N, C-alpha and C. Protein backbone atom coordinates (compact mmCIF):
# COMPACT_ATOMS: atom_id res chain seq x y z
N MET A 1 0.80 -1.21 0.00
CA MET A 1 0.00 0.00 0.00
C MET A 1 0.84 1.28 0.00
N PRO A 2 1.94 1.35 0.77
CA PRO A 2 2.73 2.59 0.73
C PRO A 2 3.23 2.93 -0.67
N GLU A 3 3.64 1.90 -1.43
CA GLU A 3 4.12 2.17 -2.79
C GLU A 3 3.01 2.70 -3.66
N ALA A 4 1.80 2.17 -3.52
CA ALA A 4 0.66 2.66 -4.30
C ALA A 4 0.38 4.12 -3.98
N LEU A 5 0.52 4.49 -2.71
CA LEU A 5 0.30 5.88 -2.33
C LEU A 5 1.35 6.81 -2.96
N LEU A 6 2.54 6.28 -3.18
CA LEU A 6 3.56 7.11 -3.82
C LEU A 6 3.19 7.43 -5.27
N TYR A 7 2.46 6.54 -5.93
CA TYR A 7 1.98 6.85 -7.28
C TYR A 7 0.98 8.01 -7.22
N VAL A 8 0.16 8.03 -6.20
CA VAL A 8 -0.78 9.15 -6.01
C VAL A 8 0.03 10.43 -5.76
N CYS A 9 1.10 10.32 -4.99
CA CYS A 9 1.97 11.48 -4.76
C CYS A 9 2.57 11.96 -6.08
N GLY A 10 2.93 11.03 -6.95
CA GLY A 10 3.45 11.40 -8.26
C GLY A 10 2.45 12.22 -9.05
N VAL A 11 1.19 11.80 -9.02
CA VAL A 11 0.13 12.55 -9.71
C VAL A 11 -0.02 13.93 -9.08
N TYR A 12 0.01 13.99 -7.77
CA TYR A 12 -0.09 15.27 -7.05
C TYR A 12 0.99 16.24 -7.54
N ASN A 13 2.22 15.75 -7.63
CA ASN A 13 3.31 16.62 -8.07
C ASN A 13 3.15 17.04 -9.53
N LEU A 14 2.66 16.15 -10.37
CA LEU A 14 2.40 16.52 -11.77
C LEU A 14 1.32 17.58 -11.87
N LEU A 15 0.34 17.52 -10.99
CA LEU A 15 -0.70 18.56 -10.98
C LEU A 15 -0.09 19.93 -10.66
N PHE A 16 0.92 19.94 -9.80
CA PHE A 16 1.57 21.22 -9.50
C PHE A 16 2.44 21.69 -10.67
N VAL A 17 3.01 20.76 -11.44
CA VAL A 17 3.70 21.17 -12.67
C VAL A 17 2.71 21.89 -13.58
N MET A 18 1.54 21.27 -13.76
CA MET A 18 0.53 21.87 -14.65
C MET A 18 0.01 23.20 -14.11
N LEU A 19 -0.18 23.29 -12.80
CA LEU A 19 -0.65 24.54 -12.21
C LEU A 19 0.37 25.66 -12.45
N HIS A 20 1.63 25.37 -12.18
CA HIS A 20 2.66 26.39 -12.35
C HIS A 20 2.87 26.76 -13.82
N ALA A 21 2.63 25.82 -14.72
CA ALA A 21 2.74 26.12 -16.15
C ALA A 21 1.68 27.14 -16.57
N ARG A 22 0.61 27.21 -15.82
CA ARG A 22 -0.48 28.14 -16.14
C ARG A 22 -0.38 29.47 -15.40
N PHE A 23 0.65 29.66 -14.61
CA PHE A 23 0.77 30.90 -13.84
C PHE A 23 0.76 32.14 -14.72
N TRP A 24 1.37 32.07 -15.89
CA TRP A 24 1.42 33.25 -16.75
C TRP A 24 0.00 33.71 -17.08
N ARG A 25 -0.88 32.77 -17.30
CA ARG A 25 -2.27 33.12 -17.63
C ARG A 25 -3.10 33.36 -16.37
N LEU A 26 -3.04 32.42 -15.42
CA LEU A 26 -3.86 32.52 -14.21
C LEU A 26 -3.59 33.79 -13.41
N LEU A 27 -2.34 34.13 -13.30
CA LEU A 27 -1.95 35.29 -12.49
C LEU A 27 -1.73 36.54 -13.35
N ARG A 28 -2.08 36.45 -14.61
CA ARG A 28 -1.95 37.58 -15.55
C ARG A 28 -0.54 38.17 -15.51
N TRP A 29 0.45 37.28 -15.59
CA TRP A 29 1.83 37.72 -15.46
C TRP A 29 2.26 38.65 -16.59
N ARG A 30 1.70 38.48 -17.79
CA ARG A 30 2.09 39.36 -18.90
C ARG A 30 1.89 40.83 -18.48
N LYS A 31 0.80 41.10 -17.78
CA LYS A 31 0.50 42.46 -17.32
C LYS A 31 1.13 42.73 -15.95
N GLN A 32 0.95 41.79 -15.01
CA GLN A 32 1.36 42.03 -13.62
C GLN A 32 2.88 42.13 -13.46
N LEU A 33 3.62 41.29 -14.19
CA LEU A 33 5.07 41.31 -14.02
C LEU A 33 5.71 42.57 -14.60
N LYS A 34 5.00 43.28 -15.47
CA LYS A 34 5.52 44.54 -16.00
C LYS A 34 5.68 45.59 -14.91
N LYS A 35 5.00 45.39 -13.79
CA LYS A 35 5.11 46.31 -12.66
C LYS A 35 6.45 46.16 -11.93
N LEU A 36 7.12 45.05 -12.17
CA LEU A 36 8.41 44.79 -11.53
C LEU A 36 9.53 45.27 -12.44
N ASP A 37 10.69 45.51 -11.84
CA ASP A 37 11.84 45.84 -12.69
C ASP A 37 12.28 44.57 -13.43
N ARG A 38 13.12 44.75 -14.41
CA ARG A 38 13.51 43.64 -15.29
C ARG A 38 14.11 42.46 -14.53
N ILE A 39 14.95 42.75 -13.55
CA ILE A 39 15.60 41.67 -12.80
C ILE A 39 14.56 40.87 -12.01
N ASN A 40 13.71 41.53 -11.24
CA ASN A 40 12.71 40.82 -10.44
C ASN A 40 11.72 40.08 -11.33
N ARG A 41 11.36 40.65 -12.47
CA ARG A 41 10.46 39.98 -13.41
C ARG A 41 11.10 38.68 -13.90
N GLY A 42 12.38 38.76 -14.23
CA GLY A 42 13.08 37.57 -14.68
C GLY A 42 13.22 36.53 -13.59
N VAL A 43 13.56 36.99 -12.39
CA VAL A 43 13.73 36.07 -11.26
C VAL A 43 12.43 35.32 -10.97
N MET A 44 11.31 36.02 -10.98
CA MET A 44 10.01 35.38 -10.73
C MET A 44 9.76 34.24 -11.71
N GLN A 45 10.02 34.50 -12.98
CA GLN A 45 9.76 33.50 -14.01
C GLN A 45 10.75 32.34 -13.93
N ILE A 46 12.00 32.65 -13.65
CA ILE A 46 13.01 31.60 -13.50
C ILE A 46 12.66 30.70 -12.32
N MET A 47 12.28 31.30 -11.19
CA MET A 47 11.90 30.50 -10.01
C MET A 47 10.72 29.60 -10.33
N ASN A 48 9.76 30.12 -11.07
CA ASN A 48 8.58 29.32 -11.40
C ASN A 48 8.95 28.14 -12.29
N VAL A 49 9.78 28.38 -13.31
CA VAL A 49 10.19 27.29 -14.20
C VAL A 49 11.00 26.25 -13.43
N GLN A 50 11.88 26.70 -12.54
CA GLN A 50 12.67 25.77 -11.74
C GLN A 50 11.79 24.97 -10.78
N LEU A 51 10.76 25.60 -10.23
CA LEU A 51 9.82 24.85 -9.38
C LEU A 51 9.11 23.77 -10.19
N MET A 52 8.76 24.09 -11.42
CA MET A 52 8.13 23.08 -12.28
C MET A 52 9.06 21.88 -12.45
N TYR A 53 10.35 22.15 -12.63
CA TYR A 53 11.34 21.09 -12.74
C TYR A 53 11.40 20.26 -11.45
N VAL A 54 11.43 20.94 -10.30
CA VAL A 54 11.48 20.24 -9.01
C VAL A 54 10.26 19.34 -8.86
N PHE A 55 9.07 19.85 -9.18
CA PHE A 55 7.85 19.04 -9.07
C PHE A 55 7.91 17.84 -10.02
N ALA A 56 8.46 18.04 -11.21
CA ALA A 56 8.59 16.93 -12.16
C ALA A 56 9.55 15.87 -11.62
N VAL A 57 10.64 16.31 -10.99
CA VAL A 57 11.58 15.36 -10.38
C VAL A 57 10.90 14.61 -9.24
N PHE A 58 10.14 15.32 -8.40
CA PHE A 58 9.40 14.65 -7.33
C PHE A 58 8.49 13.58 -7.91
N ALA A 59 7.78 13.92 -8.98
CA ALA A 59 6.87 12.96 -9.61
C ALA A 59 7.65 11.77 -10.16
N ALA A 60 8.77 12.04 -10.83
CA ALA A 60 9.58 10.95 -11.40
C ALA A 60 10.08 10.02 -10.31
N LEU A 61 10.49 10.58 -9.18
CA LEU A 61 10.94 9.74 -8.06
C LEU A 61 9.81 8.87 -7.55
N CYS A 62 8.63 9.45 -7.40
CA CYS A 62 7.48 8.69 -6.89
C CYS A 62 7.05 7.59 -7.86
N PHE A 63 7.06 7.88 -9.15
CA PHE A 63 6.66 6.89 -10.16
C PHE A 63 7.75 5.86 -10.42
N GLY A 64 9.00 6.31 -10.45
CA GLY A 64 10.08 5.43 -10.87
C GLY A 64 10.79 4.68 -9.77
N PHE A 65 10.72 5.17 -8.55
CA PHE A 65 11.49 4.57 -7.47
C PHE A 65 10.70 4.42 -6.17
N PRO A 66 9.45 3.97 -6.23
CA PRO A 66 8.68 3.89 -4.99
C PRO A 66 9.29 2.94 -3.96
N HIS A 67 9.78 1.80 -4.43
CA HIS A 67 10.38 0.83 -3.50
C HIS A 67 11.61 1.43 -2.83
N GLU A 68 12.46 2.07 -3.62
CA GLU A 68 13.68 2.65 -3.08
C GLU A 68 13.38 3.79 -2.10
N LEU A 69 12.36 4.58 -2.38
CA LEU A 69 12.00 5.68 -1.47
C LEU A 69 11.59 5.17 -0.10
N LEU A 70 11.08 3.96 -0.06
CA LEU A 70 10.58 3.40 1.20
C LEU A 70 11.56 2.45 1.88
N SER A 71 12.49 1.87 1.12
CA SER A 71 13.28 0.79 1.70
C SER A 71 14.74 1.14 1.98
N SER A 72 15.25 2.20 1.40
CA SER A 72 16.66 2.52 1.63
C SER A 72 16.78 3.79 2.47
N SER A 73 17.91 3.92 3.12
CA SER A 73 18.15 5.13 3.92
C SER A 73 18.13 6.37 3.04
N LEU A 74 18.78 6.29 1.88
CA LEU A 74 18.79 7.43 0.97
C LEU A 74 17.38 7.75 0.47
N GLY A 75 16.63 6.71 0.15
CA GLY A 75 15.25 6.91 -0.32
C GLY A 75 14.38 7.57 0.74
N ARG A 76 14.51 7.10 1.97
CA ARG A 76 13.72 7.70 3.05
C ARG A 76 14.14 9.14 3.30
N PHE A 77 15.43 9.42 3.15
CA PHE A 77 15.90 10.80 3.29
C PHE A 77 15.29 11.68 2.19
N VAL A 78 15.30 11.17 0.96
CA VAL A 78 14.73 11.93 -0.16
C VAL A 78 13.24 12.16 0.06
N LEU A 79 12.52 11.10 0.43
CA LEU A 79 11.08 11.24 0.67
C LEU A 79 10.83 12.20 1.84
N GLY A 80 11.62 12.08 2.89
CA GLY A 80 11.49 13.02 4.01
C GLY A 80 11.74 14.45 3.58
N SER A 81 12.69 14.64 2.68
CA SER A 81 12.98 15.99 2.17
C SER A 81 11.82 16.53 1.36
N ILE A 82 11.17 15.67 0.59
CA ILE A 82 9.99 16.09 -0.18
C ILE A 82 8.88 16.49 0.79
N ILE A 83 8.71 15.72 1.85
CA ILE A 83 7.70 16.05 2.87
C ILE A 83 8.00 17.40 3.50
N VAL A 84 9.26 17.64 3.85
CA VAL A 84 9.64 18.93 4.44
C VAL A 84 9.39 20.06 3.45
N PHE A 85 9.64 19.82 2.17
CA PHE A 85 9.35 20.83 1.15
C PHE A 85 7.88 21.21 1.19
N TRP A 86 6.98 20.20 1.14
CA TRP A 86 5.55 20.49 1.12
C TRP A 86 5.07 21.08 2.44
N LEU A 87 5.61 20.61 3.56
CA LEU A 87 5.25 21.20 4.85
C LEU A 87 5.70 22.66 4.92
N GLY A 88 6.92 22.92 4.45
CA GLY A 88 7.40 24.29 4.42
C GLY A 88 6.55 25.17 3.53
N ARG A 89 6.13 24.64 2.40
CA ARG A 89 5.27 25.41 1.49
C ARG A 89 3.94 25.72 2.16
N LEU A 90 3.41 24.77 2.92
CA LEU A 90 2.17 24.99 3.65
C LEU A 90 2.35 26.10 4.69
N ILE A 91 3.41 26.04 5.45
CA ILE A 91 3.67 27.06 6.47
C ILE A 91 3.86 28.43 5.83
N GLU A 92 4.60 28.47 4.73
CA GLU A 92 4.84 29.74 4.03
C GLU A 92 3.55 30.35 3.50
N GLN A 93 2.57 29.52 3.26
CA GLN A 93 1.26 30.02 2.83
C GLN A 93 0.70 31.00 3.86
N PHE A 94 0.88 30.66 5.14
CA PHE A 94 0.36 31.51 6.22
C PHE A 94 1.26 32.72 6.48
N VAL A 95 2.53 32.62 6.13
CA VAL A 95 3.46 33.72 6.37
C VAL A 95 3.38 34.76 5.25
N PHE A 96 3.39 34.29 4.00
CA PHE A 96 3.52 35.21 2.86
C PHE A 96 2.24 35.46 2.08
N LEU A 97 1.23 34.66 2.28
CA LEU A 97 0.02 34.78 1.45
C LEU A 97 -1.22 34.86 2.34
N ARG A 98 -1.20 35.82 3.23
CA ARG A 98 -2.31 36.01 4.17
C ARG A 98 -3.38 36.89 3.52
N VAL A 99 -4.19 36.25 2.70
CA VAL A 99 -5.28 36.97 2.05
C VAL A 99 -6.57 36.19 2.23
N GLN A 100 -7.65 36.90 2.27
CA GLN A 100 -8.97 36.27 2.37
C GLN A 100 -9.48 36.04 0.95
N ASN A 101 -9.14 34.88 0.43
CA ASN A 101 -9.49 34.54 -0.94
C ASN A 101 -9.82 33.06 -0.99
N ARG A 102 -10.95 32.74 -1.59
CA ARG A 102 -11.40 31.35 -1.63
C ARG A 102 -10.38 30.44 -2.33
N VAL A 103 -9.81 30.90 -3.42
CA VAL A 103 -8.83 30.09 -4.16
C VAL A 103 -7.60 29.83 -3.29
N VAL A 104 -7.16 30.84 -2.57
CA VAL A 104 -6.00 30.68 -1.69
C VAL A 104 -6.33 29.70 -0.57
N HIS A 105 -7.55 29.76 -0.04
CA HIS A 105 -7.95 28.81 1.01
C HIS A 105 -7.96 27.38 0.48
N TRP A 106 -8.46 27.18 -0.73
CA TRP A 106 -8.47 25.84 -1.32
C TRP A 106 -7.04 25.36 -1.58
N LEU A 107 -6.17 26.27 -2.01
CA LEU A 107 -4.77 25.90 -2.20
C LEU A 107 -4.15 25.46 -0.88
N THR A 108 -4.47 26.15 0.20
CA THR A 108 -3.97 25.78 1.52
C THR A 108 -4.42 24.37 1.89
N VAL A 109 -5.68 24.07 1.64
CA VAL A 109 -6.19 22.71 1.90
C VAL A 109 -5.42 21.70 1.05
N GLY A 110 -5.20 22.05 -0.22
CA GLY A 110 -4.46 21.16 -1.11
C GLY A 110 -3.03 20.93 -0.65
N LEU A 111 -2.39 21.96 -0.13
CA LEU A 111 -1.03 21.82 0.38
C LEU A 111 -1.00 20.94 1.63
N PHE A 112 -2.00 21.08 2.48
CA PHE A 112 -2.10 20.21 3.66
C PHE A 112 -2.28 18.76 3.23
N ILE A 113 -3.18 18.53 2.28
CA ILE A 113 -3.41 17.17 1.77
C ILE A 113 -2.12 16.60 1.19
N GLY A 114 -1.40 17.40 0.43
CA GLY A 114 -0.15 16.94 -0.16
C GLY A 114 0.89 16.58 0.88
N THR A 115 0.97 17.37 1.93
CA THR A 115 1.93 17.08 3.01
C THR A 115 1.58 15.75 3.67
N VAL A 116 0.32 15.56 3.97
CA VAL A 116 -0.12 14.30 4.59
C VAL A 116 0.07 13.14 3.62
N LEU A 117 -0.31 13.36 2.38
CA LEU A 117 -0.22 12.32 1.35
C LEU A 117 1.21 11.80 1.21
N HIS A 118 2.18 12.68 1.25
CA HIS A 118 3.58 12.26 1.14
C HIS A 118 4.08 11.64 2.45
N SER A 119 3.51 12.03 3.57
CA SER A 119 3.96 11.53 4.88
C SER A 119 3.49 10.11 5.15
N VAL A 120 2.29 9.79 4.73
CA VAL A 120 1.70 8.48 5.06
C VAL A 120 2.55 7.32 4.54
N PRO A 121 3.00 7.30 3.27
CA PRO A 121 3.81 6.16 2.83
C PRO A 121 5.09 5.99 3.64
N LEU A 122 5.73 7.10 3.99
CA LEU A 122 6.95 7.00 4.78
C LEU A 122 6.65 6.42 6.16
N LEU A 123 5.61 6.91 6.80
CA LEU A 123 5.25 6.40 8.13
C LEU A 123 4.85 4.93 8.07
N LEU A 124 4.06 4.55 7.08
CA LEU A 124 3.67 3.14 6.94
C LEU A 124 4.88 2.26 6.67
N GLY A 125 5.79 2.76 5.85
CA GLY A 125 7.01 1.99 5.57
C GLY A 125 7.87 1.81 6.80
N LEU A 126 7.99 2.85 7.59
CA LEU A 126 8.78 2.75 8.82
C LEU A 126 8.12 1.82 9.83
N LEU A 127 6.79 1.89 9.93
CA LEU A 127 6.07 1.00 10.85
C LEU A 127 6.18 -0.45 10.42
N ALA A 128 6.19 -0.70 9.13
CA ALA A 128 6.28 -2.07 8.62
C ALA A 128 7.64 -2.69 8.94
N GLU A 129 8.66 -1.88 9.09
CA GLU A 129 10.00 -2.37 9.40
C GLU A 129 10.17 -2.79 10.85
N ARG A 130 9.34 -2.26 11.72
CA ARG A 130 9.49 -2.55 13.15
C ARG A 130 9.16 -4.01 13.43
N PRO A 131 9.94 -4.63 14.31
CA PRO A 131 9.68 -6.04 14.65
C PRO A 131 8.43 -6.24 15.47
């Protein structure tokens, strides 16, 4: 079961690739980023593209190496790092994006679900190892 949950985690990460690919349209970046100077405008877009890459790597790890993520020390470290990434993103939601907006609230719920979703396979895998 933990390995099957990692496939769900892979889908979750791919959904974030697709979400971030739409930021230019969803957030009206063509217009909004013009308000920034050239350097900050470029940095925003570079960070977004790099995040898409990170999410794609997370997905590839979940799809391609579920057994290794659960059974080896390195795999558990990588999976734990992914969990810390999503937990940190959830916490940052409250620090940097304190707005009363329904979409932001749903995103917060989604980030919480993602954090739990990635945590459960690791916890189940660790519990299965105990004598």
